[in-house]
Amino acid sequence: MIDHTLLRKDATEPEFQKLCQEAVQNGFKTVCVEAHWLPFVTQKLKGSSVLPIAVVCFPEGTAPTPEKIEKTKAAVEAGAKEIDMVLNRDLLKSRKYAEVLEDIRGVVEAAGGAPVKVILETSELNHEEKAIACALSKIAGAAFVKTSTGFSKSGATVEDVRLMRQVVGPEMGVKASGGVRSYEDAVKMVEAGASRLGTSASVAIVNGSKGQANY
């Protein structure tokens, strides 16, 4: 259930090598990176069951839809098996729901069958906005809704995960990310309805200790 994640801008090649080794050793679901690291991690994960996945237009999400589409296509061509896109919250808060729908749907179509997760950045939204964002993501054909980038005010909460699961129903995935640092955190998120966890504290979680990173 774990997307083993490294999204720091200053991360180095040895850190990505370690990320891939840990993912393979622990049987994590995926390794989640910025798209320009895909060729490296795809090579390192070759022959394993761990999938390379990428974020696009991260962490802001305000890039124009054509740019998101272009970057999604490039990421899939580079080896991404799933795409984590960031919701355009400016459009959502302006109640331009048709444009939000078009933005998500454009990425879903560009991904060509690779599952797309829509990162809501829940700490920046009110209850109504979270619910609407989940509904729009479902209509647009996204595979998951996801709580956070890990680069905002706060990350996943049990309440948000529960709300997201309630809105999307059992058909879609819900990914809890940001602040999931311990086994106890992970269990709470899963019990609330999360079907995937995004974290850089993955090894600490499976070892029963506590990680320090925000994501």
N, C-alpha and C. Protein backbone atom coordinates (compact mmCIF):
# COMPACT_ATOMS: atom_id res chain seq x y z
N MET A 1 0.81 -1.22 0.00
CA MET A 1 0.00 0.00 0.00
C MET A 1 0.84 1.27 0.00
N ILE A 2 2.15 1.15 0.04
CA ILE A 2 3.01 2.32 0.26
C ILE A 2 3.66 2.82 -1.03
N ASP A 3 3.50 4.13 -1.29
CA ASP A 3 4.28 4.82 -2.32
C ASP A 3 5.49 5.42 -1.61
N HIS A 4 6.65 4.81 -1.80
CA HIS A 4 7.89 5.26 -1.14
C HIS A 4 8.38 6.50 -1.89
N THR A 5 8.47 7.61 -1.18
CA THR A 5 8.50 8.92 -1.84
C THR A 5 9.75 9.72 -1.53
N LEU A 6 10.29 10.38 -2.57
CA LEU A 6 11.38 11.33 -2.40
C LEU A 6 11.15 12.47 -3.39
N LEU A 7 10.73 13.62 -2.86
CA LEU A 7 10.36 14.75 -3.72
C LEU A 7 11.09 16.04 -3.37
N ARG A 8 12.10 15.94 -2.51
CA ARG A 8 12.90 17.12 -2.20
C ARG A 8 13.68 17.57 -3.43
N LYS A 9 13.71 18.86 -3.68
CA LYS A 9 14.39 19.40 -4.87
C LYS A 9 15.90 19.15 -4.80
N ASP A 10 16.45 19.07 -3.58
CA ASP A 10 17.91 18.92 -3.45
C ASP A 10 18.34 17.47 -3.27
N ALA A 11 17.43 16.51 -3.49
CA ALA A 11 17.77 15.10 -3.32
C ALA A 11 18.82 14.68 -4.35
N THR A 12 19.70 13.77 -3.94
CA THR A 12 20.84 13.38 -4.77
C THR A 12 20.68 11.96 -5.32
N GLU A 13 21.50 11.63 -6.30
CA GLU A 13 21.43 10.31 -6.92
C GLU A 13 21.60 9.17 -5.91
N PRO A 14 22.57 9.25 -4.99
CA PRO A 14 22.67 8.18 -3.99
C PRO A 14 21.40 8.01 -3.16
N GLU A 15 20.69 9.12 -2.90
CA GLU A 15 19.44 9.02 -2.14
C GLU A 15 18.37 8.29 -2.95
N PHE A 16 18.32 8.54 -4.25
CA PHE A 16 17.35 7.84 -5.09
C PHE A 16 17.72 6.36 -5.24
N GLN A 17 19.00 6.09 -5.27
CA GLN A 17 19.43 4.69 -5.32
C GLN A 17 18.99 3.95 -4.05
N LYS A 18 19.17 4.61 -2.91
CA LYS A 18 18.75 4.04 -1.64
C LYS A 18 17.23 3.86 -1.59
N LEU A 19 16.51 4.85 -2.11
CA LEU A 19 15.05 4.81 -2.17
C LEU A 19 14.58 3.55 -2.89
N CYS A 20 15.18 3.30 -4.04
CA CYS A 20 14.80 2.13 -4.85
C CYS A 20 15.17 0.82 -4.14
N GLN A 21 16.34 0.78 -3.52
CA GLN A 21 16.76 -0.43 -2.79
C GLN A 21 15.80 -0.73 -1.65
N GLU A 22 15.42 0.31 -0.90
CA GLU A 22 14.49 0.13 0.22
C GLU A 22 13.12 -0.36 -0.27
N ALA A 23 12.68 0.20 -1.40
CA ALA A 23 11.37 -0.19 -1.94
C ALA A 23 11.36 -1.66 -2.34
N VAL A 24 12.42 -2.09 -2.97
CA VAL A 24 12.52 -3.49 -3.41
C VAL A 24 12.63 -4.42 -2.21
N GLN A 25 13.48 -4.06 -1.26
CA GLN A 25 13.70 -4.90 -0.07
C GLN A 25 12.43 -5.06 0.76
N ASN A 26 11.62 -4.00 0.82
CA ASN A 26 10.44 -4.02 1.69
C ASN A 26 9.13 -4.32 0.95
N GLY A 27 9.22 -4.48 -0.35
CA GLY A 27 8.02 -4.81 -1.12
C GLY A 27 7.01 -3.68 -1.18
N PHE A 28 7.49 -2.43 -1.26
CA PHE A 28 6.57 -1.31 -1.38
C PHE A 28 5.90 -1.33 -2.75
N LYS A 29 4.76 -0.66 -2.86
CA LYS A 29 3.99 -0.64 -4.11
C LYS A 29 4.72 0.11 -5.21
N THR A 30 5.18 1.32 -4.87
CA THR A 30 5.80 2.18 -5.88
C THR A 30 6.95 2.98 -5.28
N VAL A 31 7.68 3.64 -6.19
CA VAL A 31 8.62 4.71 -5.84
C VAL A 31 8.11 5.96 -6.54
N CYS A 32 7.87 7.02 -5.77
CA CYS A 32 7.27 8.25 -6.29
C CYS A 32 8.31 9.37 -6.31
N VAL A 33 8.57 9.90 -7.52
CA VAL A 33 9.63 10.89 -7.71
C VAL A 33 9.18 11.98 -8.68
N GLU A 34 9.98 13.04 -8.77
CA GLU A 34 9.79 14.03 -9.84
C GLU A 34 10.13 13.34 -11.17
N ALA A 35 9.48 13.79 -12.24
CA ALA A 35 9.55 13.09 -13.52
C ALA A 35 10.97 12.97 -14.07
N HIS A 36 11.84 13.96 -13.81
CA HIS A 36 13.18 13.89 -14.40
C HIS A 36 14.04 12.79 -13.78
N TRP A 37 13.59 12.22 -12.65
CA TRP A 37 14.31 11.09 -12.05
C TRP A 37 13.78 9.74 -12.54
N LEU A 38 12.76 9.75 -13.38
CA LEU A 38 12.17 8.49 -13.83
C LEU A 38 13.15 7.56 -14.54
N PRO A 39 13.95 8.05 -15.49
CA PRO A 39 14.87 7.12 -16.16
C PRO A 39 15.79 6.40 -15.17
N PHE A 40 16.25 7.12 -14.16
CA PHE A 40 17.15 6.52 -13.17
C PHE A 40 16.43 5.47 -12.34
N VAL A 41 15.27 5.83 -11.77
CA VAL A 41 14.59 4.88 -10.89
C VAL A 41 13.99 3.71 -11.67
N THR A 42 13.55 3.96 -12.89
CA THR A 42 13.02 2.87 -13.72
C THR A 42 14.08 1.80 -13.94
N GLN A 43 15.30 2.25 -14.20
CA GLN A 43 16.41 1.31 -14.39
C GLN A 43 16.71 0.55 -13.10
N LYS A 44 16.71 1.26 -11.99
CA LYS A 44 17.04 0.62 -10.70
C LYS A 44 15.95 -0.37 -10.25
N LEU A 45 14.72 -0.14 -10.67
CA LEU A 45 13.62 -1.02 -10.25
C LEU A 45 13.37 -2.17 -11.22
N LYS A 46 14.12 -2.19 -12.29
CA LYS A 46 13.94 -3.21 -13.33
C LYS A 46 14.01 -4.61 -12.73
N GLY A 47 13.06 -5.45 -13.10
CA GLY A 47 13.05 -6.83 -12.62
C GLY A 47 12.35 -7.02 -11.28
N SER A 48 11.91 -5.89 -10.67
CA SER A 48 11.20 -5.98 -9.39
C SER A 48 9.71 -5.73 -9.64
N SER A 49 8.92 -5.89 -8.60
CA SER A 49 7.47 -5.62 -8.71
C SER A 49 7.13 -4.18 -8.36
N VAL A 50 8.14 -3.40 -7.97
CA VAL A 50 7.91 -2.01 -7.56
C VAL A 50 7.74 -1.13 -8.80
N LEU A 51 6.70 -0.30 -8.80
CA LEU A 51 6.41 0.55 -9.95
C LEU A 51 7.03 1.94 -9.79
N PRO A 52 7.62 2.48 -10.86
CA PRO A 52 8.05 3.88 -10.83
C PRO A 52 6.86 4.77 -11.14
N ILE A 53 6.61 5.79 -10.31
CA ILE A 53 5.52 6.72 -10.57
C ILE A 53 6.05 8.15 -10.41
N ALA A 54 5.28 9.12 -10.95
CA ALA A 54 5.79 10.50 -10.96
C ALA A 54 4.71 11.51 -10.61
N VAL A 55 5.16 12.62 -10.03
CA VAL A 55 4.29 13.79 -9.85
C VAL A 55 4.46 14.70 -11.06
N VAL A 56 3.39 15.43 -11.41
CA VAL A 56 3.50 16.42 -12.48
C VAL A 56 2.98 17.76 -11.99
N CYS A 57 3.67 18.83 -12.45
CA CYS A 57 3.32 20.21 -12.07
C CYS A 57 3.15 20.30 -10.55
N PHE A 58 4.16 19.85 -9.86
CA PHE A 58 4.16 19.67 -8.41
C PHE A 58 5.08 20.69 -7.76
N PRO A 59 4.75 21.29 -6.63
CA PRO A 59 3.55 21.08 -5.82
C PRO A 59 2.43 22.11 -6.04
N GLU A 60 2.61 23.06 -6.98
CA GLU A 60 1.65 24.17 -7.08
C GLU A 60 0.33 23.76 -7.73
N GLY A 61 0.40 23.07 -8.86
CA GLY A 61 -0.81 22.63 -9.55
C GLY A 61 -1.48 23.69 -10.40
N THR A 62 -0.87 24.88 -10.51
CA THR A 62 -1.51 25.98 -11.23
C THR A 62 -1.07 26.09 -12.68
N ALA A 63 -0.24 25.19 -13.15
CA ALA A 63 0.19 25.23 -14.55
C ALA A 63 -1.02 25.07 -15.47
N PRO A 64 -0.98 25.69 -16.65
CA PRO A 64 -2.10 25.53 -17.59
C PRO A 64 -2.30 24.07 -17.96
N THR A 65 -3.52 23.71 -18.27
CA THR A 65 -3.85 22.32 -18.60
C THR A 65 -2.97 21.76 -19.73
N PRO A 66 -2.72 22.50 -20.82
CA PRO A 66 -1.85 21.94 -21.87
C PRO A 66 -0.46 21.55 -21.37
N GLU A 67 0.07 22.32 -20.43
CA GLU A 67 1.38 21.99 -19.85
C GLU A 67 1.29 20.71 -19.02
N LYS A 68 0.22 20.57 -18.25
CA LYS A 68 0.03 19.35 -17.46
C LYS A 68 -0.08 18.13 -18.37
N ILE A 69 -0.81 18.30 -19.47
CA ILE A 69 -0.98 17.21 -20.43
C ILE A 69 0.36 16.81 -21.04
N GLU A 70 1.12 17.80 -21.46
CA GLU A 70 2.43 17.55 -22.07
C GLU A 70 3.37 16.84 -21.09
N LYS A 71 3.40 17.30 -19.85
CA LYS A 71 4.29 16.71 -18.85
C LYS A 71 3.84 15.31 -18.45
N THR A 72 2.53 15.08 -18.46
CA THR A 72 2.02 13.75 -18.17
C THR A 72 2.44 12.76 -19.25
N LYS A 73 2.27 13.15 -20.50
CA LYS A 73 2.67 12.28 -21.62
C LYS A 73 4.16 11.97 -21.55
N ALA A 74 4.96 13.00 -21.25
CA ALA A 74 6.42 12.81 -21.16
C ALA A 74 6.78 11.86 -20.02
N ALA A 75 6.08 11.98 -18.89
CA ALA A 75 6.35 11.12 -17.73
C ALA A 75 6.01 9.67 -18.04
N VAL A 76 4.89 9.45 -18.70
CA VAL A 76 4.50 8.08 -19.06
C VAL A 76 5.50 7.48 -20.04
N GLU A 77 5.93 8.28 -21.01
CA GLU A 77 6.93 7.81 -21.97
C GLU A 77 8.25 7.49 -21.28
N ALA A 78 8.55 8.20 -20.19
CA ALA A 78 9.79 7.97 -19.44
C ALA A 78 9.69 6.81 -18.47
N GLY A 79 8.50 6.19 -18.35
CA GLY A 79 8.38 5.00 -17.52
C GLY A 79 7.40 5.06 -16.38
N ALA A 80 6.73 6.21 -16.18
CA ALA A 80 5.78 6.33 -15.06
C ALA A 80 4.59 5.39 -15.26
N LYS A 81 4.29 4.61 -14.24
CA LYS A 81 3.15 3.69 -14.28
C LYS A 81 1.92 4.27 -13.60
N GLU A 82 2.09 5.36 -12.87
CA GLU A 82 0.99 6.11 -12.27
C GLU A 82 1.40 7.58 -12.28
N ILE A 83 0.42 8.48 -12.28
CA ILE A 83 0.67 9.92 -12.27
C ILE A 83 -0.04 10.55 -11.08
N ASP A 84 0.70 11.33 -10.31
CA ASP A 84 0.12 12.11 -9.21
C ASP A 84 0.10 13.58 -9.64
N MET A 85 -1.06 14.09 -9.97
CA MET A 85 -1.21 15.49 -10.40
C MET A 85 -1.76 16.34 -9.26
N VAL A 86 -1.50 17.63 -9.32
CA VAL A 86 -1.99 18.53 -8.28
C VAL A 86 -3.21 19.29 -8.80
N LEU A 87 -4.27 19.27 -8.02
CA LEU A 87 -5.49 20.00 -8.33
C LEU A 87 -5.19 21.49 -8.49
N ASN A 88 -5.84 22.12 -9.46
CA ASN A 88 -5.73 23.58 -9.59
C ASN A 88 -6.71 24.21 -8.60
N ARG A 89 -6.22 24.53 -7.43
CA ARG A 89 -7.09 25.05 -6.37
C ARG A 89 -7.59 26.45 -6.68
N ASP A 90 -6.84 27.22 -7.47
CA ASP A 90 -7.30 28.56 -7.85
C ASP A 90 -8.61 28.46 -8.64
N LEU A 91 -8.66 27.52 -9.57
CA LEU A 91 -9.89 27.32 -10.35
C LEU A 91 -11.02 26.84 -9.45
N LEU A 92 -10.69 25.91 -8.55
CA LEU A 92 -11.72 25.37 -7.65
C LEU A 92 -12.31 26.46 -6.78
N LYS A 93 -11.45 27.28 -6.19
CA LYS A 93 -11.92 28.33 -5.28
C LYS A 93 -12.68 29.42 -6.03
N SER A 94 -12.42 29.54 -7.32
CA SER A 94 -13.16 30.50 -8.15
C SER A 94 -14.46 29.88 -8.67
N ARG A 95 -14.73 28.65 -8.25
CA ARG A 95 -15.93 27.90 -8.66
C ARG A 95 -15.99 27.67 -10.18
N LYS A 96 -14.82 27.59 -10.79
CA LYS A 96 -14.75 27.28 -12.23
C LYS A 96 -14.67 25.76 -12.39
N TYR A 97 -15.76 25.11 -12.03
CA TYR A 97 -15.75 23.66 -11.92
C TYR A 97 -15.58 22.96 -13.26
N ALA A 98 -16.11 23.54 -14.33
CA ALA A 98 -15.93 22.94 -15.66
C ALA A 98 -14.46 22.93 -16.04
N GLU A 99 -13.73 23.99 -15.66
CA GLU A 99 -12.30 24.06 -15.98
C GLU A 99 -11.51 23.08 -15.11
N VAL A 100 -11.91 22.91 -13.86
CA VAL A 100 -11.26 21.92 -13.00
C VAL A 100 -11.44 20.53 -13.59
N LEU A 101 -12.67 20.25 -14.02
CA LEU A 101 -12.99 18.95 -14.62
C LEU A 101 -12.15 18.72 -15.87
N GLU A 102 -12.05 19.75 -16.71
CA GLU A 102 -11.28 19.65 -17.95
C GLU A 102 -9.79 19.42 -17.65
N ASP A 103 -9.30 20.08 -16.62
CA ASP A 103 -7.89 19.96 -16.23
C ASP A 103 -7.57 18.52 -15.82
N ILE A 104 -8.42 17.96 -14.96
CA ILE A 104 -8.18 16.58 -14.49
C ILE A 104 -8.37 15.59 -15.64
N ARG A 105 -9.45 15.77 -16.39
CA ARG A 105 -9.74 14.84 -17.48
C ARG A 105 -8.63 14.86 -18.53
N GLY A 106 -8.06 16.03 -18.78
CA GLY A 106 -6.96 16.14 -19.73
C GLY A 106 -5.77 15.30 -19.32
N VAL A 107 -5.45 15.32 -18.03
CA VAL A 107 -4.33 14.52 -17.51
C VAL A 107 -4.68 13.03 -17.57
N VAL A 108 -5.91 12.69 -17.20
CA VAL A 108 -6.34 11.29 -17.23
C VAL A 108 -6.20 10.72 -18.64
N GLU A 109 -6.64 11.49 -19.63
CA GLU A 109 -6.55 11.03 -21.03
C GLU A 109 -5.09 10.96 -21.48
N ALA A 110 -4.28 11.94 -21.07
CA ALA A 110 -2.87 11.96 -21.46
C ALA A 110 -2.10 10.79 -20.85
N ALA A 111 -2.56 10.33 -19.69
CA ALA A 111 -1.87 9.23 -19.00
C ALA A 111 -2.06 7.90 -19.73
N GLY A 112 -3.02 7.83 -20.62
CA GLY A 112 -3.19 6.66 -21.47
C GLY A 112 -3.40 5.36 -20.74
N GLY A 113 -4.18 5.40 -19.69
CA GLY A 113 -4.46 4.17 -18.95
C GLY A 113 -3.68 4.04 -17.65
N ALA A 114 -2.61 4.81 -17.50
CA ALA A 114 -1.89 4.82 -16.22
C ALA A 114 -2.78 5.51 -15.19
N PRO A 115 -2.99 4.92 -14.01
CA PRO A 115 -3.87 5.53 -13.01
C PRO A 115 -3.40 6.92 -12.61
N VAL A 116 -4.35 7.82 -12.45
CA VAL A 116 -4.05 9.21 -12.06
C VAL A 116 -4.60 9.48 -10.67
N LYS A 117 -3.76 10.06 -9.82
CA LYS A 117 -4.17 10.49 -8.50
C LYS A 117 -4.26 12.02 -8.50
N VAL A 118 -5.32 12.56 -7.93
CA VAL A 118 -5.50 14.01 -7.87
C VAL A 118 -5.19 14.47 -6.44
N ILE A 119 -4.14 15.28 -6.31
CA ILE A 119 -3.72 15.78 -5.00
C ILE A 119 -4.53 17.03 -4.68
N LEU A 120 -5.35 16.95 -3.63
CA LEU A 120 -6.25 18.05 -3.30
C LEU A 120 -5.58 19.17 -2.52
N GLU A 121 -4.55 18.87 -1.77
CA GLU A 121 -3.94 19.78 -0.78
C GLU A 121 -5.03 20.20 0.21
N THR A 122 -5.49 19.21 0.97
CA THR A 122 -6.65 19.37 1.85
C THR A 122 -6.50 20.49 2.88
N SER A 123 -5.28 20.77 3.31
CA SER A 123 -5.08 21.82 4.32
C SER A 123 -5.43 23.20 3.77
N GLU A 124 -5.54 23.33 2.45
CA GLU A 124 -5.84 24.61 1.81
C GLU A 124 -7.33 24.74 1.44
N LEU A 125 -8.12 23.68 1.71
CA LEU A 125 -9.52 23.68 1.28
C LEU A 125 -10.47 23.58 2.47
N ASN A 126 -11.67 24.12 2.30
CA ASN A 126 -12.70 23.92 3.32
C ASN A 126 -13.47 22.64 3.04
N HIS A 127 -14.39 22.30 3.91
CA HIS A 127 -15.11 21.03 3.80
C HIS A 127 -15.83 20.90 2.46
N GLU A 128 -16.54 21.95 2.06
CA GLU A 128 -17.28 21.92 0.79
C GLU A 128 -16.34 21.74 -0.40
N GLU A 129 -15.22 22.48 -0.38
CA GLU A 129 -14.26 22.40 -1.49
C GLU A 129 -13.64 21.01 -1.60
N LYS A 130 -13.36 20.39 -0.47
CA LYS A 130 -12.82 19.02 -0.49
C LYS A 130 -13.81 18.07 -1.13
N ALA A 131 -15.07 18.17 -0.73
CA ALA A 131 -16.10 17.29 -1.26
C ALA A 131 -16.28 17.49 -2.76
N ILE A 132 -16.33 18.75 -3.19
CA ILE A 132 -16.50 19.04 -4.62
C ILE A 132 -15.29 18.54 -5.42
N ALA A 133 -14.09 18.75 -4.89
CA ALA A 133 -12.88 18.29 -5.58
C ALA A 133 -12.90 16.77 -5.75
N CYS A 134 -13.35 16.07 -4.74
CA CYS A 134 -13.44 14.61 -4.83
C CYS A 134 -14.45 14.20 -5.91
N ALA A 135 -15.61 14.86 -5.91
CA ALA A 135 -16.65 14.54 -6.89
C ALA A 135 -16.16 14.82 -8.31
N LEU A 136 -15.51 15.94 -8.52
CA LEU A 136 -14.99 16.29 -9.84
C LEU A 136 -13.92 15.29 -10.29
N SER A 137 -13.07 14.87 -9.37
CA SER A 137 -12.02 13.89 -9.69
C SER A 137 -12.64 12.57 -10.15
N LYS A 138 -13.70 12.18 -9.47
CA LYS A 138 -14.38 10.93 -9.82
C LYS A 138 -15.02 11.03 -11.20
N ILE A 139 -15.71 12.14 -11.45
CA ILE A 139 -16.36 12.34 -12.75
C ILE A 139 -15.32 12.36 -13.88
N ALA A 140 -14.16 12.95 -13.60
CA ALA A 140 -13.11 13.10 -14.62
C ALA A 140 -12.38 11.79 -14.93
N GLY A 141 -12.63 10.75 -14.13
CA GLY A 141 -12.02 9.46 -14.41
C GLY A 141 -10.71 9.20 -13.69
N ALA A 142 -10.41 10.01 -12.67
CA ALA A 142 -9.19 9.75 -11.89
C ALA A 142 -9.34 8.44 -11.12
N ALA A 143 -8.21 7.81 -10.83
CA ALA A 143 -8.23 6.54 -10.10
C ALA A 143 -8.19 6.74 -8.59
N PHE A 144 -7.60 7.85 -8.15
CA PHE A 144 -7.43 8.15 -6.73
C PHE A 144 -7.68 9.63 -6.47
N VAL A 145 -8.07 9.94 -5.26
CA VAL A 145 -7.90 11.28 -4.71
C VAL A 145 -6.86 11.16 -3.60
N LYS A 146 -6.08 12.20 -3.46
CA LYS A 146 -4.92 12.18 -2.56
C LYS A 146 -4.95 13.43 -1.70
N THR A 147 -4.56 13.30 -0.44
CA THR A 147 -4.72 14.41 0.50
C THR A 147 -3.78 15.59 0.21
N SER A 148 -2.47 15.33 0.10
CA SER A 148 -1.51 16.42 0.25
C SER A 148 -0.25 16.23 -0.58
N THR A 149 0.44 17.36 -0.81
CA THR A 149 1.76 17.30 -1.45
C THR A 149 2.85 17.02 -0.42
N GLY A 150 2.58 17.37 0.84
CA GLY A 150 3.62 17.30 1.86
C GLY A 150 4.43 18.58 1.94
N PHE A 151 4.05 19.58 1.12
CA PHE A 151 4.80 20.84 1.08
C PHE A 151 3.92 22.03 1.45
N SER A 152 2.80 21.77 2.13
CA SER A 152 1.92 22.86 2.55
C SER A 152 1.83 22.90 4.08
N LYS A 153 0.77 23.50 4.60
CA LYS A 153 0.66 23.75 6.05
C LYS A 153 0.63 22.45 6.86
N SER A 154 -0.09 21.46 6.34
CA SER A 154 -0.16 20.19 7.05
C SER A 154 -0.52 19.09 6.05
N GLY A 155 -0.47 17.86 6.51
CA GLY A 155 -0.71 16.73 5.62
C GLY A 155 -2.04 16.06 5.89
N ALA A 156 -2.02 14.74 5.76
CA ALA A 156 -3.25 13.96 5.87
C ALA A 156 -3.80 13.98 7.29
N THR A 157 -5.13 14.02 7.38
CA THR A 157 -5.80 13.83 8.66
C THR A 157 -6.82 12.72 8.50
N VAL A 158 -7.13 12.07 9.61
CA VAL A 158 -8.13 11.00 9.60
C VAL A 158 -9.47 11.54 9.10
N GLU A 159 -9.82 12.75 9.52
CA GLU A 159 -11.10 13.34 9.13
C GLU A 159 -11.18 13.55 7.62
N ASP A 160 -10.10 14.04 7.04
CA ASP A 160 -10.09 14.27 5.59
C ASP A 160 -10.16 12.96 4.82
N VAL A 161 -9.41 11.98 5.25
CA VAL A 161 -9.44 10.68 4.58
C VAL A 161 -10.85 10.07 4.64
N ARG A 162 -11.47 10.20 5.79
CA ARG A 162 -12.82 9.66 5.96
C ARG A 162 -13.81 10.37 5.03
N LEU A 163 -13.70 11.70 4.95
CA LEU A 163 -14.57 12.47 4.06
C LEU A 163 -14.34 12.07 2.59
N MET A 164 -13.09 11.97 2.19
CA MET A 164 -12.76 11.62 0.81
C MET A 164 -13.32 10.25 0.44
N ARG A 165 -13.17 9.30 1.34
CA ARG A 165 -13.71 7.96 1.09
C ARG A 165 -15.23 8.01 0.99
N GLN A 166 -15.85 8.79 1.83
CA GLN A 166 -17.30 8.91 1.83
C GLN A 166 -17.80 9.46 0.49
N VAL A 167 -17.09 10.47 -0.05
CA VAL A 167 -17.53 11.10 -1.30
C VAL A 167 -17.28 10.21 -2.51
N VAL A 168 -16.10 9.59 -2.58
CA VAL A 168 -15.78 8.83 -3.80
C VAL A 168 -16.34 7.41 -3.78
N GLY A 169 -16.72 6.93 -2.60
CA GLY A 169 -17.26 5.57 -2.51
C GLY A 169 -16.17 4.52 -2.61
N PRO A 170 -16.56 3.26 -2.76
CA PRO A 170 -15.58 2.17 -2.76
C PRO A 170 -14.85 1.99 -4.08
N GLU A 171 -15.32 2.65 -5.14
CA GLU A 171 -14.76 2.39 -6.47
C GLU A 171 -13.39 3.02 -6.68
N MET A 172 -13.13 4.14 -6.01
CA MET A 172 -11.88 4.88 -6.22
C MET A 172 -10.89 4.63 -5.09
N GLY A 173 -9.62 4.93 -5.37
CA GLY A 173 -8.61 4.87 -4.34
C GLY A 173 -8.54 6.18 -3.57
N VAL A 174 -8.12 6.10 -2.33
CA VAL A 174 -7.85 7.29 -1.51
C VAL A 174 -6.42 7.16 -0.98
N LYS A 175 -5.60 8.16 -1.28
CA LYS A 175 -4.21 8.13 -0.85
C LYS A 175 -3.98 9.17 0.24
N ALA A 176 -3.51 8.71 1.39
CA ALA A 176 -3.14 9.60 2.49
C ALA A 176 -1.65 9.90 2.39
N SER A 177 -1.31 11.17 2.30
CA SER A 177 0.10 11.55 2.19
C SER A 177 0.34 12.83 2.96
N GLY A 178 1.57 12.98 3.43
CA GLY A 178 1.93 14.14 4.23
C GLY A 178 1.71 13.86 5.71
N GLY A 179 2.80 13.70 6.44
CA GLY A 179 2.70 13.52 7.88
C GLY A 179 2.43 12.10 8.35
N VAL A 180 2.44 11.14 7.41
CA VAL A 180 2.26 9.73 7.82
C VAL A 180 3.66 9.20 8.14
N ARG A 181 3.99 9.18 9.44
CA ARG A 181 5.38 8.93 9.84
C ARG A 181 5.60 7.67 10.66
N SER A 182 4.51 7.07 11.13
CA SER A 182 4.66 5.90 12.01
C SER A 182 3.66 4.82 11.64
N TYR A 183 3.87 3.62 12.16
CA TYR A 183 2.95 2.52 11.94
C TYR A 183 1.55 2.89 12.45
N GLU A 184 1.50 3.56 13.59
CA GLU A 184 0.23 3.98 14.17
C GLU A 184 -0.50 4.96 13.24
N ASP A 185 0.27 5.93 12.68
CA ASP A 185 -0.32 6.86 11.71
C ASP A 185 -0.91 6.10 10.53
N ALA A 186 -0.13 5.15 10.02
CA ALA A 186 -0.55 4.38 8.84
C ALA A 186 -1.84 3.61 9.11
N VAL A 187 -1.91 2.95 10.26
CA VAL A 187 -3.10 2.17 10.60
C VAL A 187 -4.33 3.08 10.69
N LYS A 188 -4.18 4.25 11.31
CA LYS A 188 -5.31 5.18 11.44
C LYS A 188 -5.83 5.60 10.06
N MET A 189 -4.92 5.86 9.14
CA MET A 189 -5.31 6.29 7.80
C MET A 189 -6.03 5.17 7.06
N VAL A 190 -5.51 3.96 7.18
CA VAL A 190 -6.15 2.81 6.51
C VAL A 190 -7.53 2.56 7.09
N GLU A 191 -7.64 2.63 8.40
CA GLU A 191 -8.95 2.43 9.05
C GLU A 191 -9.96 3.50 8.65
N ALA A 192 -9.47 4.70 8.33
CA ALA A 192 -10.35 5.80 7.91
C ALA A 192 -10.77 5.67 6.45
N GLY A 193 -10.08 4.80 5.70
CA GLY A 193 -10.48 4.58 4.31
C GLY A 193 -9.38 4.69 3.28
N ALA A 194 -8.13 4.95 3.71
CA ALA A 194 -7.03 5.05 2.75
C ALA A 194 -6.69 3.68 2.16
N SER A 195 -6.50 3.66 0.85
CA SER A 195 -6.07 2.43 0.18
C SER A 195 -4.63 2.52 -0.30
N ARG A 196 -4.02 3.70 -0.14
CA ARG A 196 -2.61 3.90 -0.47
C ARG A 196 -2.05 4.93 0.48
N LEU A 197 -0.77 4.80 0.80
CA LEU A 197 -0.08 5.74 1.68
C LEU A 197 1.12 6.31 0.96
N GLY A 198 1.26 7.62 0.97
CA GLY A 198 2.44 8.26 0.41
C GLY A 198 3.31 8.77 1.53
N THR A 199 4.56 8.30 1.60
CA THR A 199 5.41 8.69 2.72
C THR A 199 6.88 8.47 2.39
N SER A 200 7.72 9.27 3.01
CA SER A 200 9.17 9.04 2.93
C SER A 200 9.64 8.30 4.17
N ALA A 201 8.72 8.07 5.11
CA ALA A 201 9.04 7.34 6.35
C ALA A 201 8.65 5.87 6.24
N SER A 202 8.59 5.36 5.02
CA SER A 202 8.09 4.01 4.76
C SER A 202 8.82 2.93 5.56
N VAL A 203 10.14 3.00 5.59
CA VAL A 203 10.92 1.97 6.29
C VAL A 203 10.64 2.03 7.78
N ALA A 204 10.57 3.25 8.33
CA ALA A 204 10.24 3.40 9.75
C ALA A 204 8.86 2.81 10.05
N ILE A 205 7.92 3.03 9.16
CA ILE A 205 6.56 2.53 9.36
C ILE A 205 6.55 1.00 9.44
N VAL A 206 7.20 0.35 8.48
CA VAL A 206 7.17 -1.12 8.49
C VAL A 206 8.05 -1.71 9.59
N ASN A 207 8.97 -0.91 10.11
CA ASN A 207 9.81 -1.37 11.23
C ASN A 207 9.22 -1.03 12.59
N GLY A 208 8.11 -0.30 12.59
CA GLY A 208 7.45 0.03 13.85
C GLY A 208 8.07 1.21 14.57
N SER A 209 8.92 1.99 13.88
CA SER A 209 9.51 3.18 14.51
C SER A 209 8.83 4.42 13.93
N LYS A 210 9.48 5.58 14.09
CA LYS A 210 8.87 6.83 13.62
C LYS A 210 9.85 7.59 12.76
N GLY A 211 9.40 8.02 11.56
CA GLY A 211 10.24 8.81 10.68
C GLY A 211 10.12 10.29 10.98
N GLN A 212 11.07 11.09 10.47
CA GLN A 212 11.13 12.51 10.79
C GLN A 212 10.58 13.39 9.67
N ALA A 213 10.58 12.91 8.43
CA ALA A 213 10.24 13.76 7.30
C ALA A 213 8.77 14.14 7.30
N ASN A 214 8.46 15.28 6.65
CA ASN A 214 7.07 15.74 6.56
C ASN A 214 6.24 14.90 5.62
N TYR A 215 6.87 14.39 4.56
CA TYR A 215 6.12 13.62 3.56
C TYR A 215 6.14 12.15 3.96
